[in-house]
Structures are given as structure tokens and as C-alpha cells.
PDB file of N, CA and C in Angstrom:
ATOM      1  N   MET A   1      81.038 123.778  81.548  1.00  0.00           N
ATOM      2  CA  MET A   1      79.589 123.754  81.612  1.00  0.00           C
ATOM      3  C   MET A   1      79.107 122.940  82.800  1.00  0.00           C
ATOM      4  N   MET A   2      79.664 121.727  82.970  1.00  0.00           N
ATOM      5  CA  MET A   2      79.225 120.875  84.053  1.00  0.00           C
ATOM      6  C   MET A   2      79.574 121.484  85.405  1.00  0.00           C
ATOM      7  N   ASP A   3      80.748 122.101  85.527  1.00  0.00           N
ATOM      8  CA  ASP A   3      81.131 122.735  86.780  1.00  0.00           C
ATOM      9  C   ASP A   3      80.148 123.831  87.148  1.00  0.00           C
ATOM     10  N   ASP A   4      79.721 124.605  86.161  1.00  0.00           N
ATOM     11  CA  ASP A   4      78.769 125.681  86.399  1.00  0.00           C
ATOM     12  C   ASP A   4      77.441 125.120  86.906  1.00  0.00           C
ATOM     13  N   ARG A   5      76.986 124.045  86.318  1.00  0.00           N
ATOM     14  CA  ARG A   5      75.733 123.420  86.757  1.00  0.00           C
ATOM     15  C   ARG A   5      75.848 122.906  88.185  1.00  0.00           C
ATOM     16  N   LEU A   6      76.948 122.251  88.476  1.00  0.00           N
ATOM     17  CA  LEU A   6      77.148 121.735  89.833  1.00  0.00           C
ATOM     18  C   LEU A   6      77.197 122.860  90.855  1.00  0.00           C
ATOM     19  N   GLU A   7      77.862 123.945  90.508  1.00  0.00           N
ATOM     20  CA  GLU A   7      77.932 125.085  91.423  1.00  0.00           C
ATOM     21  C   GLU A   7      76.551 125.673  91.669  1.00  0.00           C
ATOM     22  N   ARG A   8      75.743 125.772  90.617  1.00  0.00           N
ATOM     23  CA  ARG A   8      74.380 126.293  90.786  1.00  0.00           C
ATOM     24  C   ARG A   8      73.524 125.349  91.620  1.00  0.00           C
ATOM     25  N   MET A   9      73.674 124.042  91.380  1.00  0.00           N
ATOM     26  CA  MET A   9      72.915 123.065  92.163  1.00  0.00           C
ATOM     27  C   MET A   9      73.344 123.097  93.630  1.00  0.00           C
ATOM     28  N   GLN A  10      74.630 123.256  93.864  1.00  0.00           N
ATOM     29  CA  GLN A  10      75.126 123.321  95.230  1.00  0.00           C
ATOM     30  C   GLN A  10      74.601 124.578  95.930  1.00  0.00           C
ATOM     31  N   ALA A  11      74.587 125.699  95.231  1.00  0.00           N
ATOM     32  CA  ALA A  11      74.063 126.939  95.809  1.00  0.00           C
ATOM     33  C   ALA A  11      72.577 126.801  96.136  1.00  0.00           C
ATOM     34  N   MET A  12      71.832 126.163  95.246  1.00  0.00           N
ATOM     35  CA  MET A  12      70.408 125.941  95.486  1.00  0.00           C
ATOM     36  C   MET A  12      70.207 125.035  96.705  1.00  0.00           C
ATOM     37  N   ALA A  13      71.021 123.993  96.806  1.00  0.00           N
ATOM     38  CA  ALA A  13      70.926 123.082  97.947  1.00  0.00           C
ATOM     39  C   ALA A  13      71.241 123.812  99.250  1.00  0.00           C
ATOM     40  N   LYS A  14      72.199 124.735  99.215  1.00  0.00           N
ATOM     41  CA  LYS A  14      72.529 125.516 100.414  1.00  0.00           C
ATOM     42  C   LYS A  14      71.344 126.374 100.845  1.00  0.00           C
ATOM     43  N   ARG A  15      70.633 126.933  99.874  1.00  0.00           N
ATOM     44  CA  ARG A  15      69.436 127.720 100.213  1.00  0.00           C
ATOM     45  C   ARG A  15      68.371 126.824 100.840  1.00  0.00           C
ATOM     46  N   PHE A  16      68.178 125.641 100.256  1.00  0.00           N
ATOM     47  CA  PHE A  16      67.211 124.696 100.816  1.00  0.00           C
ATOM     48  C   PHE A  16      67.626 124.263 102.218  1.00  0.00           C
ATOM     49  N   ASN A  17      68.919 124.073 102.421  1.00  0.00           N
ATOM     50  CA  ASN A  17      69.423 123.688 103.738  1.00  0.00           C
ATOM     51  C   ASN A  17      69.182 124.801 104.753  1.00  0.00           C
ATOM     52  N   ALA A  18      69.370 126.042 104.314  1.00  0.00           N
ATOM     53  CA  ALA A  18      69.174 127.183 105.214  1.00  0.00           C
ATOM     54  C   ALA A  18      67.728 127.295 105.691  1.00  0.00           C
ATOM     55  N   ASN A  19      66.767 126.917 104.828  1.00  0.00           N
ATOM     56  CA  ASN A  19      65.368 127.018 105.257  1.00  0.00           C
ATOM     57  C   ASN A  19      64.827 125.699 105.803  1.00  0.00           C
ATOM     58  N   GLY A  20      65.696 124.694 105.924  1.00  0.00           N
ATOM     59  CA  GLY A  20      65.309 123.439 106.556  1.00  0.00           C
ATOM     60  C   GLY A  20      64.756 122.375 105.630  1.00  0.00           C
ATOM     61  N   SER A  21      64.749 122.618 104.339  1.00  0.00           N
ATOM     62  CA  SER A  21      64.215 121.635 103.391  1.00  0.00           C
ATOM     63  C   SER A  21      65.174 120.467 103.150  1.00  0.00           C
ATOM     64  N   ILE A  22      66.468 120.700 103.349  1.00  0.00           N
ATOM     65  CA  ILE A  22      67.483 119.660 103.189  1.00  0.00           C
ATOM     66  C   ILE A  22      68.247 119.551 104.503  1.00  0.00           C
ATOM     67  N   ASP A  23      68.375 118.317 105.013  1.00  0.00           N
ATOM     68  CA  ASP A  23      69.097 118.140 106.278  1.00  0.00           C
ATOM     69  C   ASP A  23      70.606 118.261 106.074  1.00  0.00           C
ATOM     70  N   GLN A  24      71.328 118.334 107.182  1.00  0.00           N
ATOM     71  CA  GLN A  24      72.772 118.557 107.140  1.00  0.00           C
ATOM     72  C   GLN A  24      73.520 117.396 106.489  1.00  0.00           C
ATOM     73  N   LEU A  25      73.065 116.174 106.724  1.00  0.00           N
ATOM     74  CA  LEU A  25      73.723 115.009 106.129  1.00  0.00           C
ATOM     75  C   LEU A  25      73.632 115.052 104.604  1.00  0.00           C
ATOM     76  N   THR A  26      72.460 115.365 104.084  1.00  0.00           N
ATOM     77  CA  THR A  26      72.280 115.476 102.634  1.00  0.00           C
ATOM     78  C   THR A  26      73.140 116.603 102.079  1.00  0.00           C
ATOM     79  N   MET A  27      73.233 117.703 102.815  1.00  0.00           N
ATOM     80  CA  MET A  27      74.043 118.836 102.369  1.00  0.00           C
ATOM     81  C   MET A  27      75.512 118.438 102.289  1.00  0.00           C
ATOM     82  N   ARG A  28      75.980 117.657 103.260  1.00  0.00           N
ATOM     83  CA  ARG A  28      77.371 117.195 103.227  1.00  0.00           C
ATOM     84  C   ARG A  28      77.623 116.308 102.014  1.00  0.00           C
ATOM     85  N   LYS A  29      76.653 115.466 101.685  1.00  0.00           N
ATOM     86  CA  LYS A  29      76.792 114.592 100.516  1.00  0.00           C
ATOM     87  C   LYS A  29      76.858 115.417  99.228  1.00  0.00           C
ATOM     88  N   ILE A  30      76.028 116.437  99.141  1.00  0.00           N
ATOM     89  CA  ILE A  30      76.025 117.310  97.962  1.00  0.00           C
ATOM     90  C   ILE A  30      77.356 118.053  97.856  1.00  0.00           C
ATOM     91  N   ASP A  31      77.858 118.556  98.989  1.00  0.00           N
ATOM     92  CA  ASP A  31      79.153 119.243  98.991  1.00  0.00           C
ATOM     93  C   ASP A  31      80.276 118.302  98.554  1.00  0.00           C
ATOM     94  N   ALA A  32      80.238 117.066  99.043  1.00  0.00           N
ATOM     95  CA  ALA A  32      81.269 116.083  98.666  1.00  0.00           C
ATOM     96  C   ALA A  32      81.208 115.780  97.175  1.00  0.00           C
ATOM     97  N   LEU A  33      80.002 115.655  96.643  1.00  0.00           N
ATOM     98  CA  LEU A  33      79.839 115.407  95.214  1.00  0.00           C
ATOM     99  C   LEU A  33      80.404 116.564  94.396  1.00  0.00           C
ATOM    100  N   ALA A  34      80.100 117.781  94.812  1.00  0.00           N
ATOM    101  CA  ALA A  34      80.594 118.955  94.095  1.00  0.00           C
ATOM    102  C   ALA A  34      82.117 119.039  94.173  1.00  0.00           C
ATOM    103  N   MET A  35      82.687 118.710  95.325  1.00  0.00           N
ATOM    104  CA  MET A  35      84.139 118.755  95.470  1.00  0.00           C
ATOM    105  C   MET A  35      84.818 117.679  94.622  1.00  0.00           C
ATOM    106  N   SER A  36      84.229 116.492  94.574  1.00  0.00           N
ATOM    107  CA  SER A  36      84.850 115.417  93.796  1.00  0.00           C
ATOM    108  C   SER A  36      84.815 115.720  92.306  1.00  0.00           C
ATOM    109  N   ALA A  37      83.828 116.476  91.876  1.00  0.00           N
ATOM    110  CA  ALA A  37      83.727 116.827  90.460  1.00  0.00           C
ATOM    111  C   ALA A  37      84.746 117.898  90.071  1.00  0.00           C
ATOM    112  N   LYS A  38      85.311 118.585  91.063  1.00  0.00           N
ATOM    113  CA  LYS A  38      86.241 119.674  90.784  1.00  0.00           C
ATOM    114  C   LYS A  38      87.695 119.218  90.768  1.00  0.00           C
ATOM    115  N   ARG A  39      87.910 117.933  90.669  1.00  0.00           N
ATOM    116  CA  ARG A  39      89.280 117.425  90.612  1.00  0.00           C
ATOM    117  C   ARG A  39      89.990 118.037  89.413  1.00  0.00           C
ATOM    118  N   GLU A  40      91.231 118.377  89.630  1.00  0.00           N
ATOM    119  CA  GLU A  40      91.952 119.011  88.536  1.00  0.00           C
ATOM    120  C   GLU A  40      92.667 117.986  87.670  1.00  0.00           C
ATOM    121  N   ASP A  41      92.940 118.381  86.450  1.00  0.00           N
ATOM    122  CA  ASP A  41      93.689 117.528  85.535  1.00  0.00           C
ATOM    123  C   ASP A  41      95.112 117.378  86.042  1.00  0.00           C
ATOM    124  N   MET A  42      95.712 116.282  85.684  1.00  0.00           N
ATOM    125  CA  MET A  42      97.104 116.026  86.038  1.00  0.00           C
ATOM    126  C   MET A  42      97.971 116.289  84.812  1.00  0.00           C
ATOM    127  N   THR A  43      98.877 117.220  84.947  1.00  0.00           N
ATOM    128  CA  THR A  43      99.817 117.488  83.861  1.00  0.00           C
ATOM    129  C   THR A  43     100.947 116.467  83.916  1.00  0.00           C
ATOM    130  N   ALA A  44     101.691 116.395  82.844  1.00  0.00           N
ATOM    131  CA  ALA A  44     102.832 115.476  82.786  1.00  0.00           C
ATOM    132  C   ALA A  44     103.816 115.771  83.916  1.00  0.00           C
ATOM    133  N   ALA A  45     104.111 117.046  84.110  1.00  0.00           N
ATOM    134  CA  ALA A  45     105.065 117.438  85.153  1.00  0.00           C
ATOM    135  C   ALA A  45     104.535 117.107  86.544  1.00  0.00           C
ATOM    136  N   LYS A  46     103.242 117.292  86.746  1.00  0.00           N
ATOM    137  CA  LYS A  46     102.653 117.028  88.059  1.00  0.00           C
ATOM    138  C   LYS A  46     102.686 115.535  88.388  1.00  0.00           C
ATOM    139  N   ILE A  47     102.437 114.693  87.398  1.00  0.00           N
ATOM    140  CA  ILE A  47     102.481 113.242  87.618  1.00  0.00           C
ATOM    141  C   ILE A  47     103.904 112.816  87.961  1.00  0.00           C
ATOM    142  N   GLN A  48     104.862 113.344  87.227  1.00  0.00           N
ATOM    143  CA  GLN A  48     106.266 113.008  87.477  1.00  0.00           C
ATOM    144  C   GLN A  48     106.688 113.479  88.872  1.00  0.00           C
ATOM    145  N   LYS A  49     106.281 114.683  89.233  1.00  0.00           N
ATOM    146  CA  LYS A  49     106.608 115.235  90.550  1.00  0.00           C
ATOM    147  C   LYS A  49     105.968 114.398  91.656  1.00  0.00           C
ATOM    148  N   LEU A  50     104.720 114.012  91.464  1.00  0.00           N
ATOM    149  CA  LEU A  50     104.002 113.184  92.433  1.00  0.00           C
ATOM    150  C   LEU A  50     104.726 111.852  92.630  1.00  0.00           C
ATOM    151  N   ARG A  51     105.108 111.230  91.543  1.00  0.00           N
ATOM    152  CA  ARG A  51     105.783 109.933  91.600  1.00  0.00           C
ATOM    153  C   ARG A  51     107.129 110.042  92.315  1.00  0.00           C
ATOM    154  N   LYS A  52     107.861 111.095  92.029  1.00  0.00           N
ATOM    155  CA  LYS A  52     109.162 111.283  92.681  1.00  0.00           C
ATOM    156  C   LYS A  52     108.993 111.613  94.161  1.00  0.00           C
ATOM    157  N   ARG A  53     107.977 112.389  94.481  1.00  0.00           N
ATOM    158  CA  ARG A  53     107.701 112.724  95.882  1.00  0.00           C
ATOM    159  C   ARG A  53     107.381 111.470  96.695  1.00  0.00           C
ATOM    160  N   GLU A  54     106.679 110.535  96.066  1.00  0.00           N
ATOM    161  CA  GLU A  54     106.306 109.288  96.740  1.00  0.00           C
ATOM    162  C   GLU A  54     107.403 108.225  96.659  1.00  0.00           C
ATOM    163  N   HIS A  55     108.493 108.533  95.944  1.00  0.00           N
ATOM    164  CA  HIS A  55     109.641 107.618  95.791  1.00  0.00           C
ATOM    165  C   HIS A  55     109.213 106.278  95.191  1.00  0.00           C
ATOM    166  N   ILE A  56     108.463 106.350  94.089  1.00  0.00           N
ATOM    167  CA  ILE A  56     108.025 105.128  93.411  1.00  0.00           C
ATOM    168  C   ILE A  56     108.369 105.210  91.923  1.00  0.00           C
ATOM    169  N   SER A  57     108.539 104.058  91.321  1.00  0.00           N
ATOM    170  CA  SER A  57     108.849 103.989  89.889  1.00  0.00           C
ATOM    171  C   SER A  57     107.562 104.078  89.067  1.00  0.00           C
ATOM    172  N   GLN A  58     107.732 104.231  87.769  1.00  0.00           N
ATOM    173  CA  GLN A  58     106.574 104.228  86.878  1.00  0.00           C
ATOM    174  C   GLN A  58     105.835 102.901  86.970  1.00  0.00           C
ATOM    175  N   ALA A  59     106.584 101.818  87.081  1.00  0.00           N
ATOM    176  CA  ALA A  59     105.972 100.486  87.161  1.00  0.00           C
ATOM    177  C   ALA A  59     105.139 100.330  88.431  1.00  0.00           C
ATOM    178  N   VAL A  60     105.643 100.846  89.539  1.00  0.00           N
ATOM    179  CA  VAL A  60     104.897 100.757  90.802  1.00  0.00           C
ATOM    180  C   VAL A  60     103.633 101.603  90.725  1.00  0.00           C
ATOM    181  N   LEU A  61     103.755 102.820  90.205  1.00  0.00           N
ATOM    182  CA  LEU A  61     102.570 103.668  90.060  1.00  0.00           C
ATOM    183  C   LEU A  61     101.547 102.999  89.154  1.00  0.00           C
ATOM    184  N   ALA A  62     102.008 102.410  88.079  1.00  0.00           N
ATOM    185  CA  ALA A  62     101.108 101.712  87.158  1.00  0.00           C
ATOM    186  C   ALA A  62     100.383 100.574  87.867  1.00  0.00           C
ATOM    187  N   THR A  63     101.097  99.828  88.679  1.00  0.00           N
ATOM    188  CA  THR A  63     100.485  98.721  89.421  1.00  0.00           C
ATOM    189  C   THR A  63      99.441  99.232  90.404  1.00  0.00           C
ATOM    190  N   VAL A  64      99.765 100.285  91.123  1.00  0.00           N
ATOM    191  CA  VAL A  64      98.827 100.864  92.092  1.00  0.00           C
ATOM    192  C   VAL A  64      97.553 101.331  91.397  1.00  0.00           C
ATOM    193  N   LEU A  65      97.691 101.896  90.210  1.00  0.00           N
ATOM    194  CA  LEU A  65      96.541 102.420  89.469  1.00  0.00           C
ATOM    195  C   LEU A  65      95.867 101.367  88.597  1.00  0.00           C
ATOM    196  N   ASN A  66      96.443 100.156  88.582  1.00  0.00           N
ATOM    197  CA  ASN A  66      95.950  99.075  87.724  1.00  0.00           C
ATOM    198  C   ASN A  66      95.997  99.489  86.247  1.00  0.00           C
ATOM    199  N   MET A  67      97.101 100.105  85.884  1.00  0.00           N
ATOM    200  CA  MET A  67      97.339 100.558  84.518  1.00  0.00           C
ATOM    201  C   MET A  67      98.639  99.926  84.035  1.00  0.00           C
ATOM    202  N   SER A  68      98.958 100.140  82.779  1.00  0.00           N
ATOM    203  CA  SER A  68     100.225  99.640  82.246  1.00  0.00           C
ATOM    204  C   SER A  68     101.323 100.681  82.474  1.00  0.00           C
ATOM    205  N   SER A  69     102.555 100.204  82.505  1.00  0.00           N
ATOM    206  CA  SER A  69     103.700 101.116  82.623  1.00  0.00           C
ATOM    207  C   SER A  69     103.749 102.066  81.432  1.00  0.00           C
ATOM    208  N   GLU A  70     103.326 101.565  80.276  1.00  0.00           N
ATOM    209  CA  GLU A  70     103.304 102.397  79.068  1.00  0.00           C
ATOM    210  C   GLU A  70     102.351 103.583  79.236  1.00  0.00           C
ATOM    211  N   SER A  71     101.225 103.360  79.903  1.00  0.00           N
ATOM    212  CA  SER A  71     100.277 104.460  80.139  1.00  0.00           C
ATOM    213  C   SER A  71     100.919 105.544  80.988  1.00  0.00           C
ATOM    214  N   VAL A  72     101.577 105.143  82.066  1.00  0.00           N
ATOM    215  CA  VAL A  72     102.238 106.115  82.942  1.00  0.00           C
ATOM    216  C   VAL A  72     103.330 106.850  82.167  1.00  0.00           C
ATOM    217  N   GLN A  73     104.086 106.134  81.342  1.00  0.00           N
ATOM    218  CA  GLN A  73     105.112 106.771  80.506  1.00  0.00           C
ATOM    219  C   GLN A  73     104.497 107.828  79.601  1.00  0.00           C
ATOM    220  N   LYS A  74     103.402 107.485  78.940  1.00  0.00           N
ATOM    221  CA  LYS A  74     102.743 108.426  78.027  1.00  0.00           C
ATOM    222  C   LYS A  74     102.210 109.644  78.773  1.00  0.00           C
ATOM    223  N   TRP A  75     101.696 109.437  79.993  1.00  0.00           N
ATOM    224  CA  TRP A  75     101.224 110.573  80.787  1.00  0.00           C
ATOM    225  C   TRP A  75     102.382 111.509  81.099  1.00  0.00           C
ATOM    226  N   GLU A  76     103.503 110.935  81.524  1.00  0.00           N
ATOM    227  CA  GLU A  76     104.657 111.750  81.906  1.00  0.00           C
ATOM    228  C   GLU A  76     105.321 112.419  80.707  1.00  0.00           C
ATOM    229  N   GLN A  77     105.139 111.868  79.532  1.00  0.00           N
ATOM    230  CA  GLN A  77     105.673 112.483  78.316  1.00  0.00           C
ATOM    231  C   GLN A  77     104.687 113.486  77.720  1.00  0.00           C
ATOM    232  N   GLY A  78     103.495 113.559  78.269  1.00  0.00           N
ATOM    233  CA  GLY A  78     102.483 114.481  77.774  1.00  0.00           C
ATOM    234  C   GLY A  78     101.779 114.004  76.521  1.00  0.00           C
ATOM    235  N   LYS A  79     101.941 112.743  76.172  1.00  0.00           N
ATOM    236  CA  LYS A  79     101.296 112.203  74.970  1.00  0.00           C
ATOM    237  C   LYS A  79      99.812 111.934  75.198  1.00  0.00           C
ATOM    238  N   THR A  80      99.473 111.503  76.403  1.00  0.00           N
ATOM    239  CA  THR A  80      98.067 111.289  76.778  1.00  0.00           C
ATOM    240  C   THR A  80      97.867 111.821  78.187  1.00  0.00           C
ATOM    241  N   LYS A  81      96.611 111.894  78.611  1.00  0.00           N
ATOM    242  CA  LYS A  81      96.289 112.347  79.966  1.00  0.00           C
ATOM    243  C   LYS A  81      95.471 111.275  80.667  1.00  0.00           C
ATOM    244  N   PRO A  82      95.686 111.123  81.972  1.00  0.00           N
ATOM    245  CA  PRO A  82      94.875 110.152  82.711  1.00  0.00           C
ATOM    246  C   PRO A  82      93.429 110.623  82.783  1.00  0.00           C
ATOM    247  N   GLN A  83      92.527 109.654  82.765  1.00  0.00           N
ATOM    248  CA  GLN A  83      91.102 109.975  82.835  1.00  0.00           C
ATOM    249  C   GLN A  83      90.411 108.995  83.766  1.00  0.00           C
ATOM    250  N   GLY A  84      89.184 109.286  84.101  1.00  0.00           N
ATOM    251  CA  GLY A  84      88.355 108.373  84.872  1.00  0.00           C
ATOM    252  C   GLY A  84      88.950 108.014  86.218  1.00  0.00           C
ATOM    253  N   ALA A  85      88.914 106.712  86.526  1.00  0.00           N
ATOM    254  CA  ALA A  85      89.369 106.221  87.825  1.00  0.00           C
ATOM    255  C   ALA A  85      90.846 106.527  88.067  1.00  0.00           C
ATOM    256  N   ALA A  86      91.666 106.429  87.025  1.00  0.00           N
ATOM    257  CA  ALA A  86      93.096 106.712  87.185  1.00  0.00           C
ATOM    258  C   ALA A  86      93.312 108.161  87.614  1.00  0.00           C
ATOM    259  N   LEU A  87      92.572 109.081  87.027  1.00  0.00           N
ATOM    260  CA  LEU A  87      92.693 110.493  87.400  1.00  0.00           C
ATOM    261  C   LEU A  87      92.243 110.708  88.839  1.00  0.00           C
ATOM    262  N   ARG A  88      91.141 110.072  89.221  1.00  0.00           N
ATOM    263  CA  ARG A  88      90.662 110.202  90.592  1.00  0.00           C
ATOM    264  C   ARG A  88      91.701 109.675  91.588  1.00  0.00           C
ATOM    265  N   LEU A  89      92.269 108.513  91.273  1.00  0.00           N
ATOM    266  CA  LEU A  89      93.280 107.933  92.164  1.00  0.00           C
ATOM    267  C   LEU A  89      94.530 108.808  92.236  1.00  0.00           C
ATOM    268  N   LEU A  90      94.940 109.379  91.117  1.00  0.00           N
ATOM    269  CA  LEU A  90      96.094 110.282  91.129  1.00  0.00           C
ATOM    270  C   LEU A  90      95.827 111.497  92.014  1.00  0.00           C
ATOM    271  N   ASN A  91      94.612 112.028  91.955  1.00  0.00           N
ATOM    272  CA  ASN A  91      94.264 113.161  92.809  1.00  0.00           C
ATOM    273  C   ASN A  91      94.280 112.770  94.282  1.00  0.00           C
ATOM    274  N   ILE A  92      93.810 111.568  94.585  1.00  0.00           N
ATOM    275  CA  ILE A  92      93.840 111.092  95.973  1.00  0.00           C
ATOM    276  C   ILE A  92      95.281 110.936  96.444  1.00  0.00           C
ATOM    277  N   ILE A  93      96.124 110.344  95.603  1.00  0.00           N
ATOM    278  CA  ILE A  93      97.538 110.190  95.949  1.00  0.00           C
ATOM    279  C   ILE A  93      98.172 111.558  96.158  1.00  0.00           C
ATOM    280  N   ASP A  94      97.838 112.514  95.314  1.00  0.00           N
ATOM    281  CA  ASP A  94      98.385 113.861  95.432  1.00  0.00           C
ATOM    282  C   ASP A  94      97.963 114.508  96.749  1.00  0.00           C
ATOM    283  N   GLU A  95      96.717 114.307  97.142  1.00  0.00           N
ATOM    284  CA  GLU A  95      96.203 114.926  98.369  1.00  0.00           C
ATOM    285  C   GLU A  95      96.637 114.196  99.635  1.00  0.00           C
ATOM    286  N   LYS A  96      96.606 112.853  99.603  1.00  0.00           N
ATOM    287  CA  LYS A  96      96.770 112.084 100.838  1.00  0.00           C
ATOM    288  C   LYS A  96      97.982 111.167 100.870  1.00  0.00           C
ATOM    289  N   GLY A  97      98.655 111.019  99.755  1.00  0.00           N
ATOM    290  CA  GLY A  97      99.810 110.124  99.705  1.00  0.00           C
ATOM    291  C   GLY A  97      99.441 108.751  99.173  1.00  0.00           C
ATOM    292  N   ILE A  98     100.453 108.007  98.809  1.00  0.00           N
ATOM    293  CA  ILE A  98     100.267 106.700  98.179  1.00  0.00           C
ATOM    294  C   ILE A  98      99.596 105.707  99.119  1.00  0.00           C
ATOM    295  N   THR A  99      99.816 105.846 100.417  1.00  0.00           N
ATOM    296  CA  THR A  99      99.236 104.888 101.370  1.00  0.00           C
ATOM    297  C   THR A  99      97.715 104.957 101.412  1.00  0.00           C
ATOM    298  N   ALA A 100      97.136 106.029 100.926  1.00  0.00           N
ATOM    299  CA  ALA A 100      95.675 106.160 100.921  1.00  0.00           C
ATOM    300  C   ALA A 100      95.008 105.229  99.920  1.00  0.00           C
ATOM    301  N   VAL A 101      95.760 104.747  98.939  1.00  0.00           N
ATOM    302  CA  VAL A 101      95.152 103.895  97.910  1.00  0.00           C
ATOM    303  C   VAL A 101      95.691 102.468  97.896  1.00  0.00           C
ATOM    304  N   ILE A 102      96.650 102.168  98.770  1.00  0.00           N
ATOM    305  CA  ILE A 102      97.150 100.783  98.808  1.00  0.00           C
ATOM    306  C   ILE A 102      96.848 100.143 100.143  1.00  0.00           C
TER     307      ILE A 102
END
């Protein structure tokens, strides 16, 4: 539901931008907001793959995310899923590498 609303708002903003009602800087901010909202969920396998790709332990990943090692273990076992800031940081690490957040 929220994704649909954001997509409609972004389309409306593009129309306003086309007729000059919204400047290019504001349009870029709206596009960035819409893109950040489209972050995908991290599956257990994806988190494990990400961690191995970056050559870091569960404890190191937990420290980088300011989480407990137990949380990372539960994510990798599929018992829980990362949410909020941890999910955002995992997506950044996935896109740009671990150095982007440390």
C-alpha cells in the first residue's frame, strides 16, 4: 500500500516538475525518498552471503550495525528479520560494501 502511494506521489511530482511547479532539486529529493522506501527485505541467505562476501564474522557485522551477535544469528537462521536502521544499513552494505558504513 505504501509503495503504491509513494509511486503515485512521485508520478505527480514528475508532472509538476515537467510544468515547472517543482524545481529539479526538489524532484531529486522526492526521487531519493521514493528509492529509499523501496529497499528490499533481507533474507537469511542474503545476509549470510553478504557477510561472507565482505569477509566478516557475525560479531563484526553485529558491531557495525550496533546490534547483538544473537540478532545476526537469528537473522541468518531465519528466526527474525532485520528492521528499521539495521535493514537500511544492510542494504547500504549490500550496495556499496562495508566501508560505506564504517
